[in-house]
Amino acid sequence: MSFRLPGLYLLLLILTGCTEPPYTNLNNAQLKTMIEQGVPVYDVRRVDEWSQTGVIKGSKLLTIIDKEARVNPDFMPNFSSAVNKNSPVILICRTGNRTRKLATHLIEKLGYTRIYNVRDGITQWIKDGHPVTQVRF
């Protein structure tokens, strides 16, 4: 079988568009294992979200974006002073969207090397029956 030249170009275009993210996605089983291994979890949601759903016990709570979608100016200084660029760290938000963007930024722009994103966030963690701790502010 031979490909016509335009067909080959189309195939290459499709294949190059399917790249893996620069971070590692975790499902809940993988997340649980990494927590048991002592890898820190950073919950980057807002205070109202933590209060509403609770958090994974032992999570570091550090808001990245406020209700008006403004970046918290304290986030990066606090995160970078606490997390070594070569140490593993897990990021979690409500559904994985904020942390997906944050993980990409940390790796591609700031040189972090071991970023893990909880693919479906705290929402799926709770749906799967995993425990959360209530927080009050």
Protein backbone atom coordinates (compact mmCIF):
# COMPACT_ATOMS: atom_id res chain seq x y z
CA MET A 1 0.00 0.00 0.00
CA SER A 2 1.35 3.42 -0.81
CA PHE A 3 0.32 6.79 0.57
CA ARG A 4 -0.23 9.75 -1.58
CA LEU A 5 1.87 12.69 -0.53
CA PRO A 6 -1.05 14.83 0.77
CA GLY A 7 -2.33 11.87 2.78
CA LEU A 8 1.08 11.42 4.41
CA TYR A 9 1.21 15.09 5.35
CA LEU A 10 -2.26 14.87 6.86
CA LEU A 11 -1.27 11.80 8.88
CA LEU A 12 1.84 13.55 10.19
CA LEU A 13 -0.19 16.63 11.12
CA ILE A 14 -2.69 14.52 13.05
CA LEU A 15 0.02 12.56 14.86
CA THR A 16 2.02 15.62 15.86
CA GLY A 17 -1.12 17.19 17.36
CA CYS A 18 -1.44 14.30 19.82
CA THR A 19 1.44 15.11 22.11
CA GLU A 20 1.61 14.17 25.77
CA PRO A 21 1.51 16.96 28.35
CA PRO A 22 4.81 17.91 29.99
CA TYR A 23 3.48 16.82 33.41
CA THR A 24 2.14 13.49 34.63
CA ASN A 25 -1.60 13.00 35.10
CA LEU A 26 -2.74 10.94 38.07
CA ASN A 27 -5.90 8.99 38.67
CA ASN A 28 -7.13 8.47 42.23
CA ALA A 29 -5.33 5.16 42.76
CA GLN A 30 -2.03 6.73 41.71
CA LEU A 31 -2.75 9.79 43.85
CA LYS A 32 -3.38 7.63 46.91
CA THR A 33 -0.11 5.76 46.37
CA MET A 34 1.89 8.97 46.01
CA ILE A 35 0.30 10.45 49.15
CA GLU A 36 1.29 7.27 51.02
CA GLN A 37 4.85 7.82 49.74
CA GLY A 38 4.87 11.31 51.24
CA VAL A 39 4.63 13.38 48.06
CA PRO A 40 3.07 16.74 48.99
CA VAL A 41 -0.32 17.72 47.59
CA TYR A 42 -1.01 21.38 46.83
CA ASP A 43 -4.69 22.23 46.65
CA VAL A 44 -4.84 25.43 44.59
CA ARG A 45 -8.56 26.11 44.86
CA ARG A 46 -10.15 29.09 46.62
CA VAL A 47 -11.05 29.26 50.32
CA ASP A 48 -14.78 28.97 49.54
CA GLU A 49 -14.11 25.78 47.54
CA TRP A 50 -12.10 24.23 50.37
CA SER A 51 -14.90 25.05 52.81
CA GLN A 52 -17.54 23.63 50.47
CA THR A 53 -15.98 20.23 49.76
CA GLY A 54 -13.20 19.75 52.26
CA VAL A 55 -9.63 18.87 51.32
CA ILE A 56 -7.40 15.83 51.22
CA LYS A 57 -5.87 15.44 54.67
CA GLY A 58 -2.40 16.98 54.81
CA SER A 59 -2.82 19.07 51.66
CA LYS A 60 -1.04 22.38 51.43
CA LEU A 61 -3.65 25.05 50.74
CA LEU A 62 -2.47 27.74 48.37
CA THR A 63 -4.97 29.62 46.20
CA ILE A 64 -3.83 30.45 42.69
CA ILE A 65 -6.86 32.32 41.28
CA ASP A 66 -9.54 34.37 43.05
CA LYS A 67 -13.25 34.54 42.19
CA GLU A 68 -12.59 37.24 39.59
CA ALA A 69 -10.02 34.98 37.84
CA ARG A 70 -7.10 37.12 38.99
CA VAL A 71 -3.86 35.36 39.82
CA ASN A 72 -2.97 35.48 43.51
CA PRO A 73 0.31 37.46 43.62
CA ASP A 74 1.50 35.44 46.64
CA PHE A 75 1.08 32.08 44.93
CA MET A 76 4.38 31.79 43.03
CA PRO A 77 6.63 33.21 45.78
CA ASN A 78 5.03 30.89 48.35
CA PHE A 79 5.05 27.87 46.04
CA SER A 80 8.62 28.33 44.82
CA SER A 81 9.96 28.89 48.34
CA ALA A 82 8.32 25.64 49.50
CA VAL A 83 8.88 23.35 46.50
CA ASN A 84 12.27 22.49 45.03
CA LYS A 85 12.23 22.45 41.22
CA ASN A 86 13.38 18.81 41.17
CA SER A 87 11.13 17.48 43.95
CA PRO A 88 7.87 15.71 43.18
CA VAL A 89 4.72 17.68 43.87
CA ILE A 90 1.04 16.96 43.25
CA LEU A 91 -1.40 19.67 42.18
CA ILE A 92 -5.15 19.37 42.72
CA CYS A 93 -8.09 21.67 42.02
CA ARG A 94 -11.82 21.08 41.52
CA THR A 95 -11.74 19.23 38.16
CA GLY A 96 -8.13 19.36 36.98
CA ASN A 97 -8.40 22.37 34.66
CA ARG A 98 -6.55 24.96 36.74
CA THR A 99 -3.86 22.51 37.71
CA ARG A 100 -3.38 21.35 34.12
CA LYS A 101 -2.54 24.93 33.12
CA LEU A 102 -0.46 25.51 36.23
CA ALA A 103 1.50 22.27 35.75
CA THR A 104 2.33 23.21 32.16
CA HIS A 105 3.49 26.68 33.25
CA LEU A 106 5.63 25.32 36.08
CA ILE A 107 7.42 22.91 33.78
CA GLU A 108 7.69 24.89 30.55
CA LYS A 109 8.32 28.37 31.98
CA LEU A 110 9.85 27.84 35.42
CA GLY A 111 11.85 24.64 35.05
CA TYR A 112 10.05 22.32 37.47
CA THR A 113 10.66 18.69 36.59
CA ARG A 114 8.32 16.46 38.64
CA ILE A 115 4.83 17.91 38.54
CA TYR A 116 1.81 15.64 38.92
CA ASN A 117 -1.72 16.74 38.07
CA VAL A 118 -4.80 15.07 39.57
CA ARG A 119 -6.64 14.57 36.29
CA ASP A 120 -10.22 14.87 37.57
CA GLY A 121 -9.56 16.90 40.71
CA ILE A 122 -11.15 16.73 44.12
CA THR A 123 -14.56 16.19 42.50
CA GLN A 124 -13.65 12.67 41.35
CA TRP A 125 -11.75 11.97 44.57
CA ILE A 126 -14.98 12.59 46.51
CA LYS A 127 -17.16 10.71 43.97
CA ASP A 128 -14.91 7.68 44.39
CA GLY A 129 -15.53 7.75 48.14
CA HIS A 130 -12.10 8.91 49.31
CA PRO A 131 -11.99 10.88 52.57
CA VAL A 132 -11.70 14.64 52.89
CA THR A 133 -11.08 16.82 55.90
CA GLN A 134 -13.32 19.80 56.54
CA VAL A 135 -11.60 23.16 56.92
CA ARG A 136 -12.92 26.32 58.51
CA PHE A 137 -11.73 29.85 57.90
